[in-house]
Amino acid sequence: MHLPAQYQAIFATAVFLVTYGIIMSEKVHRTIIAFFGAALVVITGILPPERAVEAIDWNTIGLLTGMMIIVGLTRQTGLFEYLAIKAARLARGSPLAIMAALSGLTAFVSAFLDNVTTVLLIVPITFAIASQLEVSPVPFLIPEILASNIGGTATLIGDPPNIMIGSATGLGFMDFVFNLTPIIVVVHFLTVFCFKLIYRRQLVSRPELMRRITELDERKEIKDPVLLRKCLIVLGVVILGFVVHQYVHLESSVIALSGAALLLLLDRKEPEHALQAVEWPVIFFFVGLFVVVGALEAVGVIEAVARFSLEVTGGAMMPTAMLILWLSAILSAFIDNIPFVATMIPMIQDMGRLGGIMDLNLLWWALSLGACLGGNGTAIGASANVVVIGMMEKRGIRVTFMEYMKVAFPLMLLSIVACTFYLILWNRYHVGWLSLAAVLFGVVLSFIDRLVMRRLQAAAPGRH
């Protein structure tokens, strides 16, 4: 069955919009509808089978699969529980300090692991700590949700949109670190500071309960010390591989899959238990999505949208970057950022080709910051948000859409405002001293945060 050429663009657009709409409605699992949409564009001849295979970004698929195997084996060791309890102990049992410590740990881990995996590891420990302190877990969990999405923005492997951007553009691990990590450090400190002001009256506990936290033994959480050593060695090698992969001309997927193969070899167990850690629905969702978007590209729809966008912005880089940043942030607060980014990548590439723009890096950083940070805006903006709120509901803790949005959406907008100023400066000065200045600003924010918290505690000495 082959559609006439004049109807292919209409049909491909209809398939994309219906697929996108059903993904948003969550009436059908997103993997099923993405796969069905892919089947339609292949069956109708819009994208022949061989071109459908070419449309799939196998580097993204390989990177996701390899990291899922490594993380699946590492989580069996108890490492992440160890880190969470260690962070709480270092905070000396103070609820406000624990909130900041767990948020910082979540952001750091999310820079290297999938956000959903990170919150699945940190949240159960958070419930236990909140129970020990006899406080609501909500003031811990909402900051952790935002921290997971903020931290995931900092690196190539931290969030699927970044993986997709890096794979499509050739931007490497250190490109993301040099250009995005500085502003992410600032956004994280700014967000935690705001949360301390928002939740300072709720995060209060008795001294004897705080002492219980300091008496916990994080070493008891390590379940398999031998496997832990192997995982840490492989993780170190893989991260080193990401740092140098541009210079040794190896794809990031090759690094991740090689690391996974090495860890499976060192583990010396049947591979079934490790392969179960791979989220196959996510992998096949990406496969289907790449084919659906590939069909749009093949029939010229994405090029047409790119031309229109260039007309709106006049082809000027900064207005285009601002349009991408804010559009990405607002839309990603309400829709899945993965299909959005999958659609934007070829559009930005076409904008560069049509406008004769050789260096598109400013637009890529705008897309990454907007899509990743925008997910913090609502309860459905990112997978980590949905997972954590679902875990709360299972424990009888209800956070409504509007309750979450009242706290998170203003903080998301604040982060995008900070990114706006950063991108304006980046466009003028690029990296170098600007990156150093951003990190130093984050340190200054941390100092101000401690000073303000001490004064608040001094103003209410009877609170503890």
Protein backbone atom coordinates (compact mmCIF):
# COMPACT_ATOMS: atom_id res chain seq x y z
CA MET A 1 0.00 0.00 0.00
CA HIS A 2 1.53 3.30 -1.11
CA LEU A 3 -0.09 6.70 -0.71
CA PRO A 4 0.15 9.15 -3.63
CA ALA A 5 2.98 11.66 -3.09
CA GLN A 6 0.58 14.62 -2.75
CA TYR A 7 -1.10 13.04 0.29
CA GLN A 8 2.03 11.80 2.08
CA ALA A 9 2.80 15.07 3.89
CA ILE A 10 -0.80 15.33 5.15
CA PHE A 11 -0.87 11.72 6.30
CA ALA A 12 2.57 11.88 7.98
CA THR A 13 1.52 15.05 9.83
CA ALA A 14 -1.76 13.46 10.91
CA VAL A 15 0.03 10.35 12.20
CA PHE A 16 2.48 12.53 14.14
CA LEU A 17 -0.22 14.73 15.69
CA VAL A 18 -2.45 11.79 16.66
CA THR A 19 0.53 9.89 18.09
CA TYR A 20 1.59 12.98 20.04
CA GLY A 21 -1.96 13.60 21.28
CA ILE A 22 -2.40 10.03 22.53
CA ILE A 23 1.02 10.17 24.24
CA MET A 24 -0.14 13.34 26.03
CA SER A 25 -3.51 11.83 26.99
CA GLU A 26 -1.87 8.64 28.35
CA LYS A 27 -4.92 6.67 27.16
CA VAL A 28 -2.59 4.17 25.48
CA HIS A 29 0.94 3.34 26.60
CA ARG A 30 3.33 5.65 24.78
CA THR A 31 5.47 2.75 23.51
CA ILE A 32 2.45 1.08 21.88
CA ILE A 33 1.22 4.21 20.13
CA ALA A 34 4.71 5.24 18.97
CA PHE A 35 5.27 1.76 17.53
CA PHE A 36 1.84 1.80 15.86
CA GLY A 37 2.53 5.23 14.33
CA ALA A 38 5.85 3.93 13.01
CA ALA A 39 4.09 0.92 11.47
CA LEU A 40 1.57 3.19 9.70
CA VAL A 41 4.20 5.38 8.00
CA VAL A 42 6.10 2.27 6.84
CA ILE A 43 3.00 0.37 5.62
CA THR A 44 1.79 3.40 3.61
CA GLY A 45 5.18 3.73 1.90
CA ILE A 46 5.95 7.19 3.32
CA LEU A 47 9.13 5.73 4.80
CA PRO A 48 10.33 2.48 3.21
CA PRO A 49 11.70 -0.14 5.65
CA GLU A 50 15.35 0.58 4.84
CA ARG A 51 14.85 4.33 5.39
CA ALA A 52 12.91 3.63 8.58
CA VAL A 53 15.93 1.75 9.94
CA GLU A 54 18.17 4.66 8.91
CA ALA A 55 15.86 7.11 10.74
CA ILE A 56 16.51 5.36 14.08
CA ASP A 57 19.31 6.97 16.07
CA TRP A 58 21.17 3.81 17.06
CA ASN A 59 23.73 5.79 19.04
CA THR A 60 20.98 6.96 21.39
CA ILE A 61 19.57 3.43 21.65
CA GLY A 62 22.99 1.94 22.39
CA LEU A 63 23.88 4.57 24.98
CA LEU A 64 20.59 4.11 26.84
CA THR A 65 20.86 0.30 26.78
CA GLY A 66 24.47 0.23 27.98
CA MET A 67 23.88 2.65 30.86
CA MET A 68 20.73 0.79 31.94
CA ILE A 69 22.70 -2.45 32.27
CA ILE A 70 25.48 -0.74 34.27
CA VAL A 71 23.00 1.02 36.57
CA GLY A 72 20.93 -2.16 36.99
CA LEU A 73 23.96 -4.06 38.30
CA THR A 74 25.17 -1.14 40.44
CA ARG A 75 21.84 -0.69 42.20
CA GLN A 76 22.11 -4.30 43.49
CA THR A 77 25.13 -3.32 45.59
CA GLY A 78 23.32 -0.85 47.89
CA LEU A 79 25.62 2.02 46.85
CA PHE A 80 22.84 4.56 46.44
CA GLU A 81 21.21 3.77 49.81
CA TYR A 82 24.67 4.14 51.36
CA LEU A 83 25.11 7.59 49.80
CA ALA A 84 21.65 8.78 50.89
CA ILE A 85 22.15 7.80 54.54
CA LYS A 86 25.69 9.22 54.49
CA ALA A 87 24.32 12.54 53.22
CA ALA A 88 21.66 12.61 55.96
CA ARG A 89 24.27 11.90 58.63
CA LEU A 90 26.56 14.64 57.31
CA ALA A 91 23.60 17.01 57.63
CA ARG A 92 23.56 16.13 61.37
CA GLY A 93 19.89 15.23 61.30
CA SER A 94 18.68 18.78 60.57
CA PRO A 95 15.60 18.46 58.31
CA LEU A 96 16.46 21.57 56.27
CA ALA A 97 20.05 20.44 55.83
CA ILE A 98 18.91 16.90 54.93
CA MET A 99 16.57 18.33 52.28
CA ALA A 100 19.50 20.24 50.78
CA ALA A 101 21.84 17.24 51.07
CA LEU A 102 19.43 14.77 49.46
CA SER A 103 18.60 17.28 46.72
CA GLY A 104 22.31 17.75 46.04
CA LEU A 105 22.86 13.98 45.96
CA THR A 106 19.89 13.54 43.62
CA ALA A 107 21.18 16.25 41.26
CA PHE A 108 24.70 14.77 41.24
CA VAL A 109 23.57 11.19 40.63
CA SER A 110 21.08 12.36 37.96
CA ALA A 111 23.96 13.91 36.03
CA PHE A 112 25.24 10.39 35.36
CA LEU A 113 22.18 8.14 35.66
CA ASP A 114 18.65 8.17 34.30
CA ASN A 115 16.43 10.51 36.36
CA VAL A 116 13.76 7.88 37.00
CA THR A 117 16.36 5.40 38.21
CA THR A 118 17.80 8.06 40.51
CA VAL A 119 14.51 8.90 42.20
CA LEU A 120 13.57 5.22 42.50
CA LEU A 121 16.79 4.76 44.48
CA ILE A 122 16.65 7.93 46.62
CA VAL A 123 12.91 8.24 47.38
CA PRO A 124 12.48 5.08 49.54
CA ILE A 125 15.36 6.23 51.77
CA THR A 126 13.74 9.68 51.93
CA PHE A 127 10.48 8.18 53.21
CA ALA A 128 12.40 6.33 55.92
CA ILE A 129 14.31 9.47 57.00
CA ALA A 130 11.12 11.59 57.08
CA SER A 131 9.45 8.91 59.21
CA GLN A 132 12.39 8.93 61.64
CA LEU A 133 12.15 12.72 61.93
CA GLU A 134 8.32 12.60 62.17
CA VAL A 135 7.89 15.20 59.42
CA SER A 136 6.02 15.15 56.12
CA PRO A 137 8.12 13.69 53.28
CA VAL A 138 6.65 16.15 50.75
CA PRO A 139 9.15 18.98 51.49
CA PHE A 140 11.93 16.49 50.79
CA LEU A 141 10.40 14.85 47.72
CA ILE A 142 9.39 17.87 45.65
CA PRO A 143 12.92 19.33 45.85
CA GLU A 144 14.26 15.91 44.83
CA ILE A 145 11.99 15.88 41.76
CA LEU A 146 13.30 19.27 40.64
CA ALA A 147 16.89 18.31 41.51
CA SER A 148 16.69 15.18 39.35
CA ASN A 149 15.67 17.18 36.29
CA ILE A 150 18.15 19.98 37.03
CA GLY A 151 21.07 17.60 37.56
CA GLY A 152 20.17 15.59 34.47
CA THR A 153 20.60 18.71 32.34
CA ALA A 154 24.27 19.07 33.24
CA THR A 155 25.78 16.26 31.16
CA LEU A 156 25.42 14.36 27.91
CA ILE A 157 24.15 11.22 29.67
CA GLY A 158 22.00 12.85 32.36
CA ASP A 159 18.73 13.16 30.46
CA PRO A 160 17.38 11.57 27.23
CA PRO A 161 17.00 14.95 25.44
CA ASN A 162 20.73 15.56 25.94
CA ILE A 163 21.57 12.07 24.70
CA MET A 164 19.49 12.74 21.58
CA ILE A 165 21.05 16.18 20.99
CA GLY A 166 24.58 14.87 21.49
CA SER A 167 24.01 11.94 19.17
CA ALA A 168 22.50 14.09 16.40
CA THR A 169 25.11 16.85 16.55
CA GLY A 170 28.38 15.19 17.54
CA LEU A 171 28.60 17.32 20.70
CA GLY A 172 30.56 15.36 23.30
CA PHE A 173 30.41 14.78 27.03
CA MET A 174 32.81 17.63 27.85
CA ASP A 175 30.92 20.04 25.57
CA PHE A 176 27.86 19.61 27.79
CA VAL A 177 29.96 19.85 30.96
CA PHE A 178 31.72 23.07 29.90
CA ASN A 179 28.64 24.79 28.51
CA LEU A 180 25.73 23.60 30.68
CA THR A 181 27.11 22.52 34.05
CA PRO A 182 28.02 26.08 35.16
CA ILE A 183 24.48 27.42 34.80
CA ILE A 184 23.04 24.20 36.23
CA VAL A 185 25.15 24.70 39.38
CA VAL A 186 23.64 28.17 39.73
CA VAL A 187 20.09 26.97 39.05
CA HIS A 188 20.46 24.15 41.59
CA PHE A 189 21.71 26.40 44.40
CA LEU A 190 19.05 29.00 43.58
CA THR A 191 16.29 26.36 43.65
CA VAL A 192 17.45 24.79 46.94
CA PHE A 193 17.70 28.26 48.50
CA CYS A 194 14.09 28.98 47.49
CA PHE A 195 12.94 25.62 48.86
CA LYS A 196 14.57 26.36 52.21
CA LEU A 197 12.54 29.55 52.42
CA ILE A 198 9.34 27.80 51.29
CA TYR A 199 9.61 24.81 53.65
CA ARG A 200 11.48 26.29 56.62
CA ARG A 201 8.38 26.09 58.86
CA GLN A 202 7.52 22.51 57.88
CA LEU A 203 11.00 21.01 58.13
CA VAL A 204 11.28 21.13 61.92
CA SER A 205 11.98 18.18 64.20
CA ARG A 206 12.89 17.42 67.81
CA PRO A 207 16.56 17.12 68.86
CA GLU A 208 16.20 13.50 69.99
CA LEU A 209 14.74 12.51 66.61
CA MET A 210 17.54 14.31 64.79
CA ARG A 211 20.07 12.36 66.86
CA ARG A 212 18.54 9.10 65.58
CA ILE A 213 19.60 10.02 62.05
CA THR A 214 23.20 10.64 63.11
CA GLU A 215 23.27 7.17 64.69
CA LEU A 216 22.34 5.34 61.46
CA ASP A 217 25.07 3.14 59.97
CA GLU A 218 25.27 3.58 56.21
CA ARG A 219 27.72 0.67 55.90
CA LYS A 220 24.91 -1.79 56.59
CA GLU A 221 23.34 -0.80 53.26
CA ILE A 222 26.19 -2.31 51.21
CA LYS A 223 24.86 -5.69 50.10
CA ASP A 224 27.63 -6.91 47.78
CA PRO A 225 31.06 -5.30 48.39
CA VAL A 226 32.76 -7.39 45.70
CA LEU A 227 30.28 -6.38 43.01
CA LEU A 228 30.45 -2.78 44.28
CA ARG A 229 34.19 -2.61 43.63
CA LYS A 230 33.68 -3.98 40.12
CA CYS A 231 30.87 -1.51 39.41
CA LEU A 232 32.89 1.48 40.64
CA ILE A 233 35.85 0.47 38.48
CA VAL A 234 33.67 0.09 35.38
CA LEU A 235 31.74 3.33 36.09
CA GLY A 236 35.06 5.16 36.42
CA VAL A 237 36.31 3.72 33.12
CA VAL A 238 33.03 4.54 31.35
CA ILE A 239 32.98 8.15 32.59
CA LEU A 240 36.62 8.53 31.57
CA GLY A 241 35.61 7.13 28.18
CA PHE A 242 32.86 9.76 27.88
CA VAL A 243 35.37 12.49 28.70
CA VAL A 244 37.77 11.45 25.93
CA HIS A 245 35.41 9.84 23.39
CA GLN A 246 35.56 12.82 21.01
CA TYR A 247 39.34 12.67 20.92
CA VAL A 248 39.58 8.90 20.37
CA HIS A 249 36.73 9.00 17.80
CA LEU A 250 34.43 6.55 19.58
CA GLU A 251 30.66 7.03 19.80
CA SER A 252 29.23 7.40 23.31
CA SER A 253 27.11 4.30 22.67
CA VAL A 254 30.28 2.25 22.07
CA ILE A 255 31.67 3.43 25.42
CA ALA A 256 28.44 2.56 27.31
CA LEU A 257 27.94 -0.83 25.66
CA SER A 258 31.61 -1.75 26.11
CA GLY A 259 31.36 -0.82 29.79
CA ALA A 260 28.22 -2.92 30.14
CA ALA A 261 29.94 -5.88 28.44
CA LEU A 262 32.97 -5.54 30.74
CA LEU A 263 30.79 -5.41 33.86
CA LEU A 264 28.83 -8.48 32.74
CA LEU A 265 32.12 -10.29 32.20
CA LEU A 266 33.43 -9.29 35.64
CA ASP A 267 30.11 -10.22 37.29
CA ARG A 268 30.38 -13.79 35.93
CA LYS A 269 26.67 -14.50 36.41
CA GLU A 270 23.94 -15.37 33.96
CA PRO A 271 23.09 -12.19 31.99
CA GLU A 272 19.31 -12.49 32.37
CA HIS A 273 19.22 -10.61 35.68
CA ALA A 274 21.23 -7.71 34.22
CA LEU A 275 19.22 -7.54 30.98
CA GLN A 276 16.02 -7.30 33.04
CA ALA A 277 17.29 -3.90 34.21
CA VAL A 278 16.96 -2.58 30.65
CA GLU A 279 13.69 -0.67 30.31
CA TRP A 280 12.71 -2.25 27.00
CA PRO A 281 9.46 -0.23 26.69
CA VAL A 282 11.59 2.95 26.76
CA ILE A 283 13.97 1.58 24.13
CA PHE A 284 11.13 0.60 21.77
CA PHE A 285 9.39 3.94 22.42
CA PHE A 286 12.48 5.68 21.07
CA VAL A 287 12.61 3.35 18.06
CA GLY A 288 8.98 4.08 17.12
CA LEU A 289 9.36 7.79 17.76
CA PHE A 290 12.44 8.12 15.56
CA VAL A 291 10.55 6.49 12.67
CA VAL A 292 7.48 8.76 13.06
CA VAL A 293 9.67 11.89 13.13
CA GLY A 294 11.75 10.49 10.25
CA ALA A 295 8.57 10.37 8.16
CA LEU A 296 7.88 14.06 8.86
CA GLU A 297 11.42 14.87 7.79
CA ALA A 298 11.18 12.75 4.63
CA VAL A 299 8.05 14.52 3.34
CA GLY A 300 9.42 18.02 4.02
CA VAL A 301 7.12 19.06 6.89
CA ILE A 302 9.98 19.80 9.28
CA GLU A 303 11.77 21.88 6.64
CA ALA A 304 8.59 23.92 6.12
CA VAL A 305 8.30 24.61 9.86
CA ALA A 306 11.99 25.57 9.95
CA ARG A 307 11.46 28.07 7.13
CA PHE A 308 8.50 29.61 8.98
CA SER A 309 10.54 29.89 12.20
CA LEU A 310 13.36 31.65 10.34
CA GLU A 311 10.84 34.14 8.94
CA VAL A 312 9.48 34.85 12.45
CA THR A 313 12.92 35.47 13.97
CA GLY A 314 14.53 36.96 10.89
CA GLY A 315 17.24 34.32 11.12
CA ALA A 316 18.93 36.17 14.01
CA MET A 317 20.63 33.78 16.44
CA MET A 318 19.65 35.31 19.78
CA PRO A 319 15.90 35.78 19.05
CA THR A 320 15.85 32.23 17.65
CA ALA A 321 17.60 30.88 20.77
CA MET A 322 15.17 32.71 23.06
CA LEU A 323 12.20 31.38 21.09
CA ILE A 324 13.54 27.81 21.39
CA LEU A 325 14.40 28.19 25.10
CA TRP A 326 11.04 29.55 26.23
CA LEU A 327 8.92 27.49 23.83
CA SER A 328 10.75 24.33 24.96
CA ALA A 329 10.33 25.19 28.63
CA ILE A 330 6.62 26.00 28.51
CA LEU A 331 5.68 23.06 26.27
CA SER A 332 7.89 20.59 28.17
CA ALA A 333 6.04 21.48 31.37
CA PHE A 334 2.88 19.94 29.87
CA ILE A 335 4.04 17.41 27.28
CA ASP A 336 6.71 14.71 27.11
CA ASN A 337 9.99 16.41 26.23
CA ILE A 338 11.37 13.37 24.36
CA PRO A 339 9.04 13.53 21.32
CA PHE A 340 9.31 17.32 21.42
CA VAL A 341 13.12 17.20 21.24
CA ALA A 342 12.99 14.46 18.59
CA THR A 343 10.96 16.87 16.44
CA MET A 344 13.07 19.95 17.21
CA ILE A 345 16.45 18.40 16.35
CA PRO A 346 15.87 18.05 12.59
CA MET A 347 14.05 21.39 12.56
CA ILE A 348 17.06 23.20 14.06
CA GLN A 349 19.35 21.40 11.62
CA ASP A 350 17.15 22.59 8.73
CA MET A 351 17.14 26.13 10.14
CA GLY A 352 20.94 26.09 10.10
CA ARG A 353 21.03 24.78 6.53
CA LEU A 354 18.39 27.19 5.21
CA GLY A 355 19.77 30.20 7.05
CA GLY A 356 23.40 29.43 6.26
CA ILE A 357 24.23 29.22 10.00
CA MET A 358 27.38 27.17 10.55
CA ASP A 359 27.55 27.25 14.37
CA LEU A 360 24.25 26.09 15.91
CA ASN A 361 25.60 25.43 19.42
CA LEU A 362 23.65 28.31 20.99
CA LEU A 363 20.41 26.78 19.70
CA TRP A 364 21.35 23.32 20.99
CA TRP A 365 22.05 24.66 24.49
CA ALA A 366 18.76 26.59 24.42
CA LEU A 367 16.88 23.42 23.44
CA SER A 368 18.58 21.34 26.14
CA LEU A 369 18.01 23.87 28.94
CA GLY A 370 14.41 24.56 27.95
CA ALA A 371 13.35 20.94 27.42
CA CYS A 372 15.08 19.50 30.49
CA LEU A 373 14.32 22.27 33.01
CA GLY A 374 10.81 22.91 31.66
CA GLY A 375 9.82 19.43 32.81
CA ASN A 376 9.93 20.70 36.39
CA GLY A 377 6.93 22.97 35.84
CA THR A 378 4.09 20.49 36.37
CA ALA A 379 3.43 17.06 37.85
CA ILE A 380 3.39 15.51 34.35
CA GLY A 381 6.31 17.44 32.86
CA ALA A 382 8.88 14.65 33.24
CA SER A 383 8.89 10.95 34.00
CA ALA A 384 10.59 11.46 37.37
CA ASN A 385 7.73 13.75 38.46
CA VAL A 386 5.10 11.14 37.64
CA VAL A 387 7.06 8.33 39.32
CA VAL A 388 7.65 10.19 42.62
CA ILE A 389 4.07 11.46 42.87
CA GLY A 390 2.86 7.91 42.18
CA MET A 391 5.12 6.59 44.98
CA MET A 392 3.61 9.20 47.33
CA GLU A 393 0.07 8.20 46.41
CA LYS A 394 0.83 4.55 47.18
CA ARG A 395 1.70 5.68 50.71
CA GLY A 396 -1.49 7.71 51.06
CA ILE A 397 0.15 11.10 50.46
CA ARG A 398 -1.77 13.11 47.87
CA VAL A 399 -0.22 16.06 46.05
CA THR A 400 -2.65 17.54 43.51
CA PHE A 401 -1.64 18.90 40.12
CA MET A 402 -2.23 22.49 41.27
CA GLU A 403 -0.47 22.01 44.63
CA TYR A 404 2.63 20.83 42.83
CA MET A 405 2.38 23.50 40.14
CA LYS A 406 2.02 26.36 42.67
CA VAL A 407 5.45 25.50 44.05
CA ALA A 408 7.29 24.12 41.03
CA PHE A 409 6.13 26.28 38.11
CA PRO A 410 7.46 29.61 39.51
CA LEU A 411 10.76 27.91 40.31
CA MET A 412 10.91 26.51 36.79
CA LEU A 413 10.32 29.99 35.36
CA LEU A 414 13.04 31.36 37.65
CA SER A 415 15.47 28.76 36.30
CA ILE A 416 14.61 29.72 32.69
CA VAL A 417 15.12 33.40 33.49
CA ALA A 418 18.59 32.52 34.84
CA CYS A 419 19.25 30.50 31.66
CA THR A 420 18.13 33.44 29.52
CA PHE A 421 20.78 35.71 31.03
CA TYR A 422 23.35 32.94 30.80
CA LEU A 423 22.71 32.34 27.09
CA ILE A 424 22.87 36.06 26.34
CA LEU A 425 26.28 36.22 28.02
CA TRP A 426 27.33 32.91 26.46
CA ASN A 427 26.54 34.23 23.00
CA ARG A 428 28.76 37.22 23.65
CA TYR A 429 31.64 35.67 25.55
CA HIS A 430 31.17 31.90 24.97
CA VAL A 431 32.75 29.83 27.77
CA GLY A 432 36.10 30.47 29.50
CA TRP A 433 35.79 33.00 32.28
CA LEU A 434 31.98 32.95 32.03
CA SER A 435 31.89 29.31 33.18
CA LEU A 436 34.19 30.11 36.09
CA ALA A 437 32.04 33.12 36.99
CA ALA A 438 28.89 30.98 36.97
CA VAL A 439 30.44 28.40 39.31
CA LEU A 440 31.72 31.14 41.63
CA PHE A 441 28.23 32.67 41.65
CA GLY A 442 26.89 29.27 42.72
CA VAL A 443 29.38 29.23 45.60
CA VAL A 444 28.30 32.76 46.62
CA LEU A 445 24.64 31.62 46.56
CA SER A 446 25.58 28.72 48.84
CA PHE A 447 27.27 31.11 51.28
CA ILE A 448 24.26 33.46 51.30
CA ASP A 449 22.00 30.45 51.81
CA ARG A 450 23.90 29.38 54.95
CA LEU A 451 23.94 32.92 56.29
CA VAL A 452 20.17 33.38 55.82
CA MET A 453 19.38 29.99 57.39
CA ARG A 454 21.51 30.77 60.45
CA ARG A 455 19.69 34.07 60.95
CA LEU A 456 16.29 32.40 60.57
CA GLN A 457 17.25 29.77 63.16
CA ALA A 458 18.62 32.44 65.48
CA ALA A 459 15.37 34.40 65.18
CA ALA A 460 13.37 31.35 66.37
CA PRO A 461 15.58 29.50 68.88
CA GLY A 462 12.68 27.65 70.44
CA ARG A 463 11.73 25.99 67.18
CA HIS A 464 14.16 23.07 67.66
